C-alpha atoms as a PDB file:
ATOM      1  CA  MET A   1       0.193   0.019   0.049  1.00  0.00           C
ATOM      2  CA  ILE A   2       2.999   2.321   0.642  1.00  0.00           C
ATOM      3  CA  LYS A   3       4.213   4.463  -2.204  1.00  0.00           C
ATOM      4  CA  THR A   4       7.245   6.817  -2.368  1.00  0.00           C
ATOM      5  CA  VAL A   5       6.334  10.526  -2.354  1.00  0.00           C
ATOM      6  CA  ASN A   6       8.290  13.538  -2.934  1.00  0.00           C
ATOM      7  CA  GLY A   7      11.755  11.885  -1.871  1.00  0.00           C
ATOM      8  CA  HIS A   8      11.145  12.701   1.776  1.00  0.00           C
ATOM      9  CA  ASN A   9      13.620  11.513   4.286  1.00  0.00           C
ATOM     10  CA  GLY A  10      11.190  11.794   7.129  1.00  0.00           C
ATOM     11  CA  PHE A  11       8.432  13.862   7.883  1.00  0.00           C
ATOM     12  CA  SER A  12       8.222  17.643   7.130  1.00  0.00           C
ATOM     13  CA  ALA A  13       6.031  20.657   7.541  1.00  0.00           C
ATOM     14  CA  THR A  14       5.350  23.474   5.186  1.00  0.00           C
ATOM     15  CA  PRO A  15       7.052  26.587   6.524  1.00  0.00           C
ATOM     16  CA  GLU A  16       5.360  29.699   7.510  1.00  0.00           C
ATOM     17  CA  HIS A  17       8.021  32.049   5.961  1.00  0.00           C
ATOM     18  CA  GLY A  18      10.464  31.126   3.061  1.00  0.00           C
ATOM     19  CA  SER A  19      14.021  32.338   2.681  1.00  0.00           C
ATOM     20  CA  ASN A  20      14.540  35.365   0.403  1.00  0.00           C
ATOM     21  CA  ILE A  21      18.322  34.884   0.370  1.00  0.00           C
ATOM     22  CA  SER A  22      19.784  34.371  -3.136  1.00  0.00           C
ATOM     23  CA  ILE A  23      22.643  31.707  -3.241  1.00  0.00           C
ATOM     24  CA  SER A  24      23.569  32.837  -6.726  1.00  0.00           C
ATOM     25  CA  GLY A  25      23.777  36.376  -5.396  1.00  0.00           C
ATOM     26  CA  ILE A  26      26.004  35.361  -2.459  1.00  0.00           C
ATOM     27  CA  LEU A  27      28.387  33.330  -4.959  1.00  0.00           C
ATOM     28  CA  HIS A  28      28.710  36.346  -7.101  1.00  0.00           C
ATOM     29  CA  THR A  29      29.746  38.754  -4.247  1.00  0.00           C
ATOM     30  CA  MET A  30      32.249  36.198  -3.030  1.00  0.00           C
ATOM     31  CA  GLN A  31      33.804  35.925  -6.417  1.00  0.00           C
ATOM     32  CA  LYS A  32      34.045  39.691  -6.718  1.00  0.00           C
ATOM     33  CA  VAL A  33      35.802  39.866  -3.346  1.00  0.00           C
ATOM     34  CA  LEU A  34      38.372  37.171  -4.133  1.00  0.00           C
ATOM     35  CA  TYR A  35      38.926  38.899  -7.602  1.00  0.00           C
ATOM     36  CA  THR A  36      39.754  42.199  -5.838  1.00  0.00           C
ATOM     37  CA  PHE A  37      42.081  40.486  -3.458  1.00  0.00           C
ATOM     38  CA  ARG A  38      43.945  38.599  -6.358  1.00  0.00           C
ATOM     39  CA  ASN A  39      44.233  41.633  -8.648  1.00  0.00           C
ATOM     40  CA  ARG A  40      45.112  44.215  -6.040  1.00  0.00           C
ATOM     41  CA  PRO A  41      48.751  45.404  -6.013  1.00  0.00           C
ATOM     42  CA  PRO A  42      50.499  43.943  -2.997  1.00  0.00           C
ATOM     43  CA  GLU A  43      51.031  46.336  -0.257  1.00  0.00           C
ATOM     44  CA  LYS A  44      53.755  46.195   2.411  1.00  0.00           C
ATOM     45  CA  PRO A  45      52.235  45.145   5.584  1.00  0.00           C
ATOM     46  CA  ALA A  46      53.852  46.425   8.841  1.00  0.00           C
ATOM     47  CA  LEU A  47      54.819  42.705   9.513  1.00  0.00           C
ATOM     48  CA  CYS A  48      56.955  42.689   6.431  1.00  0.00           C
ATOM     49  CA  SER A  49      58.854  45.917   7.033  1.00  0.00           C
ATOM     50  CA  GLY A  50      62.641  46.093   7.468  1.00  0.00           C
ATOM     51  CA  LYS A  51      63.463  43.355   4.925  1.00  0.00           C
ATOM     52  CA  SER A  52      64.962  43.474   1.645  1.00  0.00           C
ATOM     53  CA  LYS A  53      62.616  44.616  -1.260  1.00  0.00           C
ATOM     54  CA  LEU A  54      62.355  41.202  -2.641  1.00  0.00           C
ATOM     55  CA  ALA A  55      61.783  39.742   0.751  1.00  0.00           C
ATOM     56  CA  ASN A  56      59.137  42.388   1.484  1.00  0.00           C
ATOM     57  CA  GLU A  57      57.268  41.536  -1.774  1.00  0.00           C
ATOM     58  CA  ARG A  58      57.346  37.912  -1.088  1.00  0.00           C
ATOM     59  CA  CYS A  59      56.106  38.462   2.507  1.00  0.00           C
ATOM     60  CA  ALA A  60      53.340  40.743   1.209  1.00  0.00           C
ATOM     61  CA  ILE A  61      52.358  38.185  -1.306  1.00  0.00           C
ATOM     62  CA  SER A  62      52.201  35.459   1.185  1.00  0.00           C
ATOM     63  CA  THR A  63      50.232  37.540   3.554  1.00  0.00           C
ATOM     64  CA  VAL A  64      47.675  38.350   0.846  1.00  0.00           C
ATOM     65  CA  LYS A  65      47.434  34.527   0.023  1.00  0.00           C
ATOM     66  CA  PHE A  66      47.033  33.852   3.750  1.00  0.00           C
ATOM     67  CA  PHE A  67      44.075  36.297   4.044  1.00  0.00           C
ATOM     68  CA  ILE A  68      42.583  34.878   0.719  1.00  0.00           C
ATOM     69  CA  LEU A  69      42.585  31.460   2.317  1.00  0.00           C
ATOM     70  CA  ILE A  70      41.066  32.656   5.340  1.00  0.00           C
ATOM     71  CA  LEU A  71      38.472  34.325   3.462  1.00  0.00           C
ATOM     72  CA  LYS A  72      37.617  31.196   1.403  1.00  0.00           C
ATOM     73  CA  ILE A  73      37.191  29.245   4.621  1.00  0.00           C
ATOM     74  CA  VAL A  74      35.011  31.834   6.262  1.00  0.00           C
ATOM     75  CA  SER A  75      32.869  32.172   3.114  1.00  0.00           C
ATOM     76  CA  GLY A  76      32.662  28.490   2.752  1.00  0.00           C
ATOM     77  CA  ILE A  77      31.242  28.093   6.349  1.00  0.00           C
ATOM     78  CA  PHE A  78      28.960  31.116   5.769  1.00  0.00           C
ATOM     79  CA  LEU A  79      27.761  29.607   2.440  1.00  0.00           C
ATOM     80  CA  PHE A  80      27.234  26.128   4.039  1.00  0.00           C
ATOM     81  CA  THR A  81      25.251  27.658   6.901  1.00  0.00           C
ATOM     82  CA  ILE A  82      23.013  29.751   4.344  1.00  0.00           C
ATOM     83  CA  ILE A  83      22.299  26.779   2.272  1.00  0.00           C
ATOM     84  CA  SER A  84      21.361  24.603   5.366  1.00  0.00           C
ATOM     85  CA  PHE A  85      19.292  27.304   6.647  1.00  0.00           C
ATOM     86  CA  SER A  86      17.407  27.584   3.370  1.00  0.00           C
ATOM     87  CA  GLU A  87      16.807  23.911   3.077  1.00  0.00           C
ATOM     88  CA  ILE A  88      15.376  23.681   6.623  1.00  0.00           C
ATOM     89  CA  SER A  89      13.254  26.708   6.278  1.00  0.00           C
ATOM     90  CA  SER A  90      11.792  25.472   3.012  1.00  0.00           C
ATOM     91  CA  GLN A  91      11.201  21.922   3.990  1.00  0.00           C
ATOM     92  CA  GLU A  92      11.545  21.609   7.742  1.00  0.00           C
ATOM     93  CA  ARG A  93      12.334  17.877   7.409  1.00  0.00           C
ATOM     94  CA  VAL A  94      14.987  16.310   9.923  1.00  0.00           C
ATOM     95  CA  LEU A  95      13.003  13.489  11.485  1.00  0.00           C
ATOM     96  CA  PHE A  96      15.635  10.782  11.442  1.00  0.00           C
ATOM     97  CA  ASN A  97      18.630   9.724   9.503  1.00  0.00           C
ATOM     98  CA  SER A  98      19.035   6.842   6.924  1.00  0.00           C
ATOM     99  CA  ASN A  99      19.036   4.150   9.607  1.00  0.00           C
ATOM    100  CA  LEU A 100      15.755   5.491  10.963  1.00  0.00           C
ATOM    101  CA  SER A 101      17.293   5.729  14.520  1.00  0.00           C
ATOM    102  CA  ASP A 102      17.082   9.586  15.312  1.00  0.00           C
ATOM    103  CA  LYS A 103      14.208  11.040  17.412  1.00  0.00           C
ATOM    104  CA  MET A 104      11.954  13.507  15.709  1.00  0.00           C
ATOM    105  CA  ALA A 105      12.923  17.116  15.616  1.00  0.00           C
ATOM    106  CA  ARG A 106       9.360  18.113  16.380  1.00  0.00           C
ATOM    107  CA  VAL A 107       6.260  16.612  17.830  1.00  0.00           C
ATOM    108  CA  PHE A 108       4.344  14.193  15.594  1.00  0.00           C
ATOM    109  CA  ARG A 109       0.801  15.548  15.230  1.00  0.00           C
ATOM    110  CA  ILE A 110      -2.074  13.144  15.332  1.00  0.00           C
ATOM    111  CA  ALA A 111      -5.676  13.973  14.901  1.00  0.00           C
ATOM    112  CA  THR A 112      -8.558  11.798  16.030  1.00  0.00           C
ATOM    113  CA  ASP A 113     -12.170  12.157  17.124  1.00  0.00           C
ATOM    114  CA  ARG A 114     -14.234  10.735  19.941  1.00  0.00           C
ATOM    115  CA  TRP A 115     -15.446   7.337  18.937  1.00  0.00           C
ATOM    116  CA  PRO A 116     -15.496   4.979  22.125  1.00  0.00           C
ATOM    117  CA  PRO A 117     -14.351   2.432  22.723  1.00  0.00           C
ATOM    118  CA  HIS A 118     -11.881   3.048  19.900  1.00  0.00           C
ATOM    119  CA  GLU A 119     -10.801   6.650  20.913  1.00  0.00           C
ATOM    120  CA  ASP A 120     -11.916   8.962  23.582  1.00  0.00           C
ATOM    121  CA  ILE A 121      -8.696  10.844  24.605  1.00  0.00           C
ATOM    122  CA  PHE A 122     -10.336  12.890  27.352  1.00  0.00           C
ATOM    123  CA  ASN A 123     -11.424   9.908  29.283  1.00  0.00           C
ATOM    124  CA  GLU A 124      -8.437   9.331  31.449  1.00  0.00           C
ATOM    125  CA  ASN A 125      -9.457   5.841  32.436  1.00  0.00           C
ATOM    126  CA  GLU A 126     -10.468   4.505  29.196  1.00  0.00           C
ATOM    127  CA  PRO A 127      -9.004   6.847  26.306  1.00  0.00           C
ATOM    128  CA  GLY A 128      -9.911   4.046  23.705  1.00  0.00           C
ATOM    129  CA  MET A 129      -8.246   1.036  22.415  1.00  0.00           C
ATOM    130  CA  CYS A 130      -6.728   2.733  19.331  1.00  0.00           C
ATOM    131  CA  THR A 131      -5.592   5.669  21.554  1.00  0.00           C
ATOM    132  CA  GLU A 132      -3.664   3.258  24.107  1.00  0.00           C
ATOM    133  CA  VAL A 133      -2.168   1.228  21.157  1.00  0.00           C
ATOM    134  CA  VAL A 134      -0.961   4.292  19.310  1.00  0.00           C
ATOM    135  CA  ARG A 135       0.593   5.759  22.530  1.00  0.00           C
ATOM    136  CA  GLN A 136       2.422   2.433  23.234  1.00  0.00           C
ATOM    137  CA  VAL A 137       3.787   2.129  19.781  1.00  0.00           C
ATOM    138  CA  PHE A 138       5.172   5.615  19.349  1.00  0.00           C
ATOM    139  CA  GLN A 139       6.732   5.227  22.877  1.00  0.00           C
ATOM    140  CA  LYS A 140       8.569   2.046  21.769  1.00  0.00           C
ATOM    141  CA  MET A 141       9.598   4.133  18.677  1.00  0.00           C
ATOM    142  CA  GLY A 142      10.971   6.871  20.834  1.00  0.00           C
ATOM    143  CA  VAL A 143       8.832   9.522  19.051  1.00  0.00           C
ATOM    144  CA  GLN A 144       6.964  12.327  20.882  1.00  0.00           C
ATOM    145  CA  ILE A 145       3.333  12.807  19.815  1.00  0.00           C
ATOM    146  CA  LYS A 146       0.424  15.024  20.439  1.00  0.00           C
ATOM    147  CA  ILE A 147      -3.083  13.760  19.760  1.00  0.00           C
ATOM    148  CA  THR A 148      -5.719  16.379  19.199  1.00  0.00           C
ATOM    149  CA  GLN A 149      -9.552  15.650  18.888  1.00  0.00           C
ATOM    150  CA  TYR A 150     -11.540  17.124  16.127  1.00  0.00           C
ATOM    151  CA  PRO A 151     -14.953  16.413  14.657  1.00  0.00           C
ATOM    152  CA  TRP A 152     -14.264  13.467  12.189  1.00  0.00           C
ATOM    153  CA  ALA A 153     -14.728  15.382   8.939  1.00  0.00           C
ATOM    154  CA  ARG A 154     -12.254  18.060  10.036  1.00  0.00           C
ATOM    155  CA  ALA A 155      -9.730  15.494  11.303  1.00  0.00           C
ATOM    156  CA  VAL A 156      -9.731  13.868   7.739  1.00  0.00           C
ATOM    157  CA  ASP A 157      -9.262  17.114   5.996  1.00  0.00           C
ATOM    158  CA  LEU A 158      -6.372  18.088   8.276  1.00  0.00           C
ATOM    159  CA  VAL A 159      -4.453  14.938   7.530  1.00  0.00           C
ATOM    160  CA  PHE A 160      -5.241  15.288   3.907  1.00  0.00           C
ATOM    161  CA  LYS A 161      -3.715  18.712   3.794  1.00  0.00           C
ATOM    162  CA  GLY A 162      -0.795  17.701   5.907  1.00  0.00           C
ATOM    163  CA  ASP A 163      -1.788  19.987   9.008  1.00  0.00           C
ATOM    164  CA  SER A 164      -1.880  16.730  10.853  1.00  0.00           C
ATOM    165  CA  ASP A 165       0.679  14.004  10.330  1.00  0.00           C
ATOM    166  CA  ALA A 166      -1.535  11.102  11.037  1.00  0.00           C
ATOM    167  CA  LEU A 167      -5.144  10.090  11.972  1.00  0.00           C
ATOM    168  CA  PHE A 168      -6.828   7.374  13.864  1.00  0.00           C
ATOM    169  CA  CYS A 169      -8.816   5.112  13.582  1.00  0.00           C
ATOM    170  CA  ALA A 170      -9.521   5.100   9.888  1.00  0.00           C
ATOM    171  CA  LEU A 171     -11.101   2.401   7.531  1.00  0.00           C
ATOM    172  CA  TYR A 172      -9.640   2.161   4.159  1.00  0.00           C
ATOM    173  CA  SER A 173     -11.073   4.076   1.139  1.00  0.00           C
ATOM    174  CA  ASP A 174      -9.800   4.916  -2.127  1.00  0.00           C
ATOM    175  CA  GLU A 175      -9.922   8.634  -1.506  1.00  0.00           C
ATOM    176  CA  ARG A 176      -7.886   8.344   1.777  1.00  0.00           C
ATOM    177  CA  ALA A 177      -5.377   6.135  -0.055  1.00  0.00           C
ATOM    178  CA  GLU A 178      -4.811   9.020  -2.424  1.00  0.00           C
ATOM    179  CA  HIS A 179      -3.858  11.309   0.335  1.00  0.00           C
ATOM    180  CA  CYS A 180      -2.522   8.879   3.050  1.00  0.00           C
ATOM    181  CA  PHE A 181      -0.372   6.022   3.528  1.00  0.00           C
ATOM    182  CA  PHE A 182      -1.931   2.919   5.052  1.00  0.00           C
ATOM    183  CA  PRO A 183       0.427   0.667   7.120  1.00  0.00           C
ATOM    184  CA  GLU A 184       0.403  -2.976   6.390  1.00  0.00           C
ATOM    185  CA  THR A 185      -0.535  -3.646  10.204  1.00  0.00           C
ATOM    186  CA  PRO A 186      -3.875  -2.476  11.342  1.00  0.00           C
ATOM    187  CA  ILE A 187      -4.561  -1.311  14.953  1.00  0.00           C
ATOM    188  CA  THR A 188      -7.907  -3.351  15.448  1.00  0.00           C
ATOM    189  CA  LYS A 189     -11.080  -4.104  13.435  1.00  0.00           C
ATOM    190  CA  LEU A 190     -14.794  -3.212  13.386  1.00  0.00           C
ATOM    191  CA  LYS A 191     -18.053  -4.592  12.353  1.00  0.00           C
ATOM    192  CA  TYR A 192     -20.876  -2.299  10.966  1.00  0.00           C
ATOM    193  CA  PHE A 193     -24.584  -3.306  11.841  1.00  0.00           C
ATOM    194  CA  LEU A 194     -27.856  -1.611  11.479  1.00  0.00           C
ATOM    195  CA  PHE A 195     -29.382  -0.542  14.708  1.00  0.00           C
ATOM    196  CA  ILE A 196     -33.328  -0.148  15.069  1.00  0.00           C
ATOM    197  CA  LYS A 197     -35.796   0.560  17.881  1.00  0.00           C
ATOM    198  CA  LYS A 198     -36.735  -2.691  19.474  1.00  0.00           C
ATOM    199  CA  LYS A 199     -40.427  -2.111  18.914  1.00  0.00           C
ATOM    200  CA  ASN A 200     -39.910  -2.078  15.100  1.00  0.00           C
ATOM    201  CA  ARG A 201     -38.095  -5.590  15.065  1.00  0.00           C
ATOM    202  CA  ASN A 202     -41.011  -7.144  13.410  1.00  0.00           C
ATOM    203  CA  THR A 203     -41.715  -4.383  10.887  1.00  0.00           C
ATOM    204  CA  LEU A 204     -38.207  -3.391   9.757  1.00  0.00           C
ATOM    205  CA  ALA A 205     -36.341  -6.259   8.039  1.00  0.00           C
ATOM    206  CA  PHE A 206     -32.904  -6.244   6.644  1.00  0.00           C
ATOM    207  CA  ASP A 207     -32.041  -9.182   4.227  1.00  0.00           C
ATOM    208  CA  THR A 208     -30.867  -7.104   1.021  1.00  0.00           C
ATOM    209  CA  TYR A 209     -30.363  -3.422   0.571  1.00  0.00           C
ATOM    210  CA  GLU A 210     -33.714  -3.238  -1.220  1.00  0.00           C
ATOM    211  CA  ASP A 211     -35.225  -3.617   2.216  1.00  0.00           C
ATOM    212  CA  LEU A 212     -34.016  -0.242   3.094  1.00  0.00           C
ATOM    213  CA  ALA A 213     -35.341   1.449  -0.178  1.00  0.00           C
ATOM    214  CA  GLN A 214     -38.350   3.093   1.699  1.00  0.00           C
ATOM    215  CA  SER A 215     -36.698   3.791   4.830  1.00  0.00           C
ATOM    216  CA  GLN A 216     -34.373   6.601   6.225  1.00  0.00           C
ATOM    217  CA  VAL A 217     -30.869   5.372   7.106  1.00  0.00           C
ATOM    218  CA  GLY A 218     -28.751   7.465   9.467  1.00  0.00           C
ATOM    219  CA  ILE A 219     -24.851   7.597   8.729  1.00  0.00           C
ATOM    220  CA  VAL A 220     -21.929   9.630   9.840  1.00  0.00           C
ATOM    221  CA  ARG A 221     -20.452  12.291   7.691  1.00  0.00           C
ATOM    222  CA  SER A 222     -16.997  11.371   6.271  1.00  0.00           C
ATOM    223  CA  PHE A 223     -17.185   7.815   7.478  1.00  0.00           C
ATOM    224  CA  ALA A 224     -16.063   5.034   5.054  1.00  0.00           C
ATOM    225  CA  TYR A 225     -18.893   2.730   4.136  1.00  0.00           C
ATOM    226  CA  PRO A 226     -18.813  -0.271   1.659  1.00  0.00           C
ATOM    227  CA  GLU A 227     -18.883   1.019  -1.861  1.00  0.00           C
ATOM    228  CA  LYS A 228     -22.081  -0.909  -2.780  1.00  0.00           C
ATOM    229  CA  PHE A 229     -23.980   0.155   0.280  1.00  0.00           C
ATOM    230  CA  TRP A 230     -22.998   3.778  -0.257  1.00  0.00           C
ATOM    231  CA  ASN A 231     -23.977   3.850  -4.035  1.00  0.00           C
ATOM    232  CA  PHE A 232     -27.338   2.232  -3.058  1.00  0.00           C
ATOM    233  CA  LEU A 233     -28.079   4.937  -0.368  1.00  0.00           C
ATOM    234  CA  LYS A 234     -27.044   7.698  -2.807  1.00  0.00           C
ATOM    235  CA  SER A 235     -29.081   6.548  -5.604  1.00  0.00           C
ATOM    236  CA  HIS A 236     -32.098   6.363  -3.571  1.00  0.00           C
ATOM    237  CA  GLY A 237     -31.446   9.464  -1.463  1.00  0.00           C
ATOM    238  CA  ASN A 238     -32.722   7.869   1.642  1.00  0.00           C
ATOM    239  CA  TYR A 239     -29.797   8.596   3.994  1.00  0.00           C
ATOM    240  CA  GLN A 240     -29.256  11.496   6.531  1.00  0.00           C
ATOM    241  CA  GLU A 241     -25.733  12.492   7.772  1.00  0.00           C
ATOM    242  CA  VAL A 242     -24.757  13.516  11.153  1.00  0.00           C
ATOM    243  CA  GLU A 243     -21.429  14.335  12.946  1.00  0.00           C
ATOM    244  CA  SER A 244     -21.540  11.220  15.515  1.00  0.00           C
ATOM    245  CA  ASP A 245     -23.186   8.009  16.229  1.00  0.00           C
ATOM    246  CA  ASP A 246     -24.837   9.301  19.326  1.00  0.00           C
ATOM    247  CA  LEU A 247     -26.741  11.895  17.334  1.00  0.00           C
ATOM    248  CA  ASN A 248     -28.117   8.942  14.980  1.00  0.00           C
ATOM    249  CA  PHE A 249     -29.353   7.198  18.049  1.00  0.00           C
ATOM    250  CA  ARG A 250     -30.978  10.275  19.220  1.00  0.00           C
ATOM    251  CA  LYS A 251     -32.695  10.516  15.782  1.00  0.00           C
ATOM    252  CA  LEU A 252     -33.634   6.995  15.905  1.00  0.00           C
ATOM    253  CA  MET A 253     -35.438   7.472  19.120  1.00  0.00           C
ATOM    254  CA  ALA A 254     -37.179  10.485  17.748  1.00  0.00           C
ATOM    255  CA  ASP A 255     -38.445   8.450  14.815  1.00  0.00           C
ATOM    256  CA  ARG A 256     -36.368  10.773  12.408  1.00  0.00           C
ATOM    257  CA  ILE A 257     -34.661   7.806  10.916  1.00  0.00           C
ATOM    258  CA  ASP A 258     -35.398   4.158  10.633  1.00  0.00           C
ATOM    259  CA  TYR A 259     -32.039   2.687  10.800  1.00  0.00           C
ATOM    260  CA  ALA A 260     -28.785   3.792  12.226  1.00  0.00           C
ATOM    261  CA  VAL A 261     -25.580   2.284  10.801  1.00  0.00           C
ATOM    262  CA  ALA A 262     -22.932   1.916  13.633  1.00  0.00           C
ATOM    263  CA  ASP A 263     -19.946  -0.049  14.611  1.00  0.00           C
ATOM    264  CA  TYR A 264     -21.137  -2.731  16.988  1.00  0.00           C
ATOM    265  CA  ALA A 265     -18.655  -2.025  19.867  1.00  0.00           C
ATOM    266  CA  ASN A 266     -19.370   1.622  19.621  1.00  0.00           C
ATOM    267  CA  GLY A 267     -23.135   1.114  19.283  1.00  0.00           C
ATOM    268  CA  MET A 268     -23.360  -1.080  22.212  1.00  0.00           C
ATOM    269  CA  LEU A 269     -21.367   1.152  24.384  1.00  0.00           C
ATOM    270  CA  LEU A 270     -23.658   4.114  23.402  1.00  0.00           C
ATOM    271  CA  MET A 271     -26.650   2.382  24.076  1.00  0.00           C
ATOM    272  CA  GLN A 272     -25.479   1.663  27.581  1.00  0.00           C
ATOM    273  CA  LYS A 273     -24.328   5.224  28.207  1.00  0.00           C
ATOM    274  CA  MET A 274     -27.515   6.807  26.793  1.00  0.00           C
ATOM    275  CA  GLY A 275     -29.729   4.401  28.772  1.00  0.00           C
ATOM    276  CA  LEU A 276     -31.176   2.895  25.641  1.00  0.00           C
ATOM    277  CA  THR A 277     -30.365  -0.869  26.032  1.00  0.00           C
ATOM    278  CA  ASP A 278     -34.028  -1.731  26.469  1.00  0.00           C
ATOM    279  CA  LYS A 279     -35.044   0.545  23.494  1.00  0.00           C
ATOM    280  CA  ILE A 280     -32.473  -0.053  20.701  1.00  0.00           C
ATOM    281  CA  GLU A 281     -30.921  -3.223  19.450  1.00  0.00           C
ATOM    282  CA  PRO A 282     -28.570  -4.200  16.396  1.00  0.00           C
ATOM    283  CA  ILE A 283     -29.737  -6.570  13.613  1.00  0.00           C
ATOM    284  CA  LEU A 284     -27.050  -9.208  14.067  1.00  0.00           C
ATOM    285  CA  SER A 285     -28.472 -11.476  11.312  1.00  0.00           C
ATOM    286  CA  LYS A 286     -26.952  -9.395   8.588  1.00  0.00           C
ATOM    287  CA  LEU A 287     -23.561  -7.558   8.603  1.00  0.00           C
ATOM    288  CA  ILE A 288     -23.225  -4.329   6.796  1.00  0.00           C
ATOM    289  CA  HIS A 289     -19.403  -4.073   6.788  1.00  0.00           C
ATOM    290  CA  GLU A 290     -16.368  -5.532   8.355  1.00  0.00           C
ATOM    291  CA  SER A 291     -12.921  -3.762   8.201  1.00  0.00           C
ATOM    292  CA  ASP A 292      -9.769  -3.082   9.714  1.00  0.00           C
ATOM    293  CA  LEU A 293      -9.056   0.092  11.571  1.00  0.00           C
ATOM    294  CA  TYR A 294      -5.758   1.925  11.003  1.00  0.00           C
ATOM    295  CA  LEU A 295      -3.529   4.845  12.047  1.00  0.00           C
ATOM    296  CA  ILE A 296      -2.990   6.570   8.472  1.00  0.00           C
ATOM    297  CA  PHE A 297      -0.123   8.921   7.600  1.00  0.00           C
ATOM    298  CA  SER A 298      -0.436  12.073   5.582  1.00  0.00           C
ATOM    299  CA  LYS A 299       1.647  11.789   2.332  1.00  0.00           C
ATOM    300  CA  GLN A 300       2.302  15.608   2.701  1.00  0.00           C
ATOM    301  CA  THR A 301       4.606  15.182   5.734  1.00  0.00           C
ATOM    302  CA  VAL A 302       5.521  11.479   6.261  1.00  0.00           C
ATOM    303  CA  ASN A 303       7.511   9.301   4.242  1.00  0.00           C
ATOM    304  CA  PRO A 304       7.119   5.545   3.486  1.00  0.00           C
ATOM    305  CA  GLU A 305      10.009   4.386   5.597  1.00  0.00           C
ATOM    306  CA  PHE A 306       8.569   5.842   8.808  1.00  0.00           C
ATOM    307  CA  VAL A 307       5.109   4.180   7.970  1.00  0.00           C
ATOM    308  CA  GLU A 308       7.122   0.766   7.651  1.00  0.00           C
ATOM    309  CA  LEU A 309       8.723   1.476  11.002  1.00  0.00           C
ATOM    310  CA  PHE A 310       5.308   2.090  12.709  1.00  0.00           C
ATOM    311  CA  SER A 311       3.824  -0.980  11.175  1.00  0.00           C
ATOM    312  CA  ASP A 312       6.547  -3.217  12.120  1.00  0.00           C
ATOM    313  CA  THR A 313       6.506  -1.849  15.745  1.00  0.00           C
ATOM    314  CA  LEU A 314       2.793  -2.308  15.914  1.00  0.00           C
ATOM    315  CA  LYS A 315       2.998  -5.784  14.546  1.00  0.00           C
ATOM    316  CA  SER A 316       5.323  -6.656  17.292  1.00  0.00           C
ATOM    317  CA  PHE A 317       3.287  -5.038  20.052  1.00  0.00           C
ATOM    318  CA  LYS A 318       0.167  -6.899  18.935  1.00  0.00           C
ATOM    319  CA  GLU A 319       1.898 -10.119  19.807  1.00  0.00           C
ATOM    320  CA  THR A 320       2.237  -9.055  23.490  1.00  0.00           C
ATOM    321  CA  GLU A 321       0.287  -9.690  26.467  1.00  0.00           C
ATOM    322  CA  HIS A 322      -0.227  -5.928  26.848  1.00  0.00           C
ATOM    323  CA  TYR A 323      -2.180  -5.842  23.620  1.00  0.00           C
ATOM    324  CA  ARG A 324      -4.245  -8.833  24.500  1.00  0.00           C
ATOM    325  CA  MET A 325      -5.282  -7.187  27.797  1.00  0.00           C
ATOM    326  CA  LEU A 326      -6.151  -3.924  25.955  1.00  0.00           C
ATOM    327  CA  ASN A 327      -8.260  -5.860  23.622  1.00  0.00           C
ATOM    328  CA  GLU A 328     -10.009  -7.588  26.569  1.00  0.00           C
ATOM    329  CA  LYS A 329     -10.520  -4.259  28.264  1.00  0.00           C
ATOM    330  CA  TYR A 330     -12.241  -2.624  25.487  1.00  0.00           C
ATOM    331  CA  TYR A 331     -13.833  -5.395  23.425  1.00  0.00           C
ATOM    332  CA  GLY A 332     -14.254  -8.035  26.065  1.00  0.00           C
ATOM    333  CA  LYS A 333     -18.106  -7.584  26.223  1.00  0.00           C
ATOM    334  CA  THR A 334     -18.267  -7.495  22.437  1.00  0.00           C
ATOM    335  CA  ALA A 335     -16.140 -10.440  21.563  1.00  0.00           C
ATOM    336  CA  CYS A 336     -18.945 -12.463  20.119  1.00  0.00           C
ATOM    337  CA  CYS A 337     -19.242 -10.010  17.080  1.00  0.00           C
ATOM    338  CA  LEU A 338     -15.564  -9.051  16.829  1.00  0.00           C
ATOM    339  CA  ASN A 339     -13.959 -12.470  16.260  1.00  0.00           C
END
């Protein structure tokens, strides 16, 4: 899934200000200074006085050559500094060297939303399965991160533009693959089901998509749904978009929609927290979609080597007892539908 982009050596950020220094101008100035020194008639420095005329001339020439050498060294150091500054200002890259061992030069920015039990960063006791896994993996990589919560649609836009370096947890879609790298190793997986009001279990069936044709289906804006399912909804125009799953459940209770599409683990947790376990239920006889969940990386700021490093580190972590305990902590009650 990983493709090379722009020859990056790490992750970079677009600078706020570019460099106005002209390298060609500096070189031209240095050449004029050297030309002046080379073609200037040698003078008798004080340190050469008191010797014969020939000795004085030789001394003066040697002194001028010495100062020319010093000037070349100083100008070389200055030129190297300017070029290095220009490269850093225009690309701001320096994440790690070729052996991928150096720590980042800046904090790695990660966007997410609130989607328990996968991610809920402001919940100190249960910040989410994906959140805890991401923190553990980057800690093992020796990389400092900053996770910021946004509405999902904005989080996706930020990582597409490179204003965030990564995003979790995301399902695969062709559009996301155009803008982001997907690591080979997913963090976890999910299963989408339709949720309905219990009182409608005998009237609202779901065996095929056609069963939904005359009903209103609630979805979450910018979520990735199966292509066939999404095309069906668009062709019938019978869907309503909201910013989060809990809003869909509220609309379901208010009879503004007939079905709500939700991840099983998230849906069951929402039902419990919203006090709706006796009013809403999933239709478990028919699965809408099953997919892996990833931390995805912006192609604007991250290179493929770093993605591979993350993927390998995550793969190793998933084989540990710590990962198994996290999986049990967050998905233990929903294991029947996540295996």
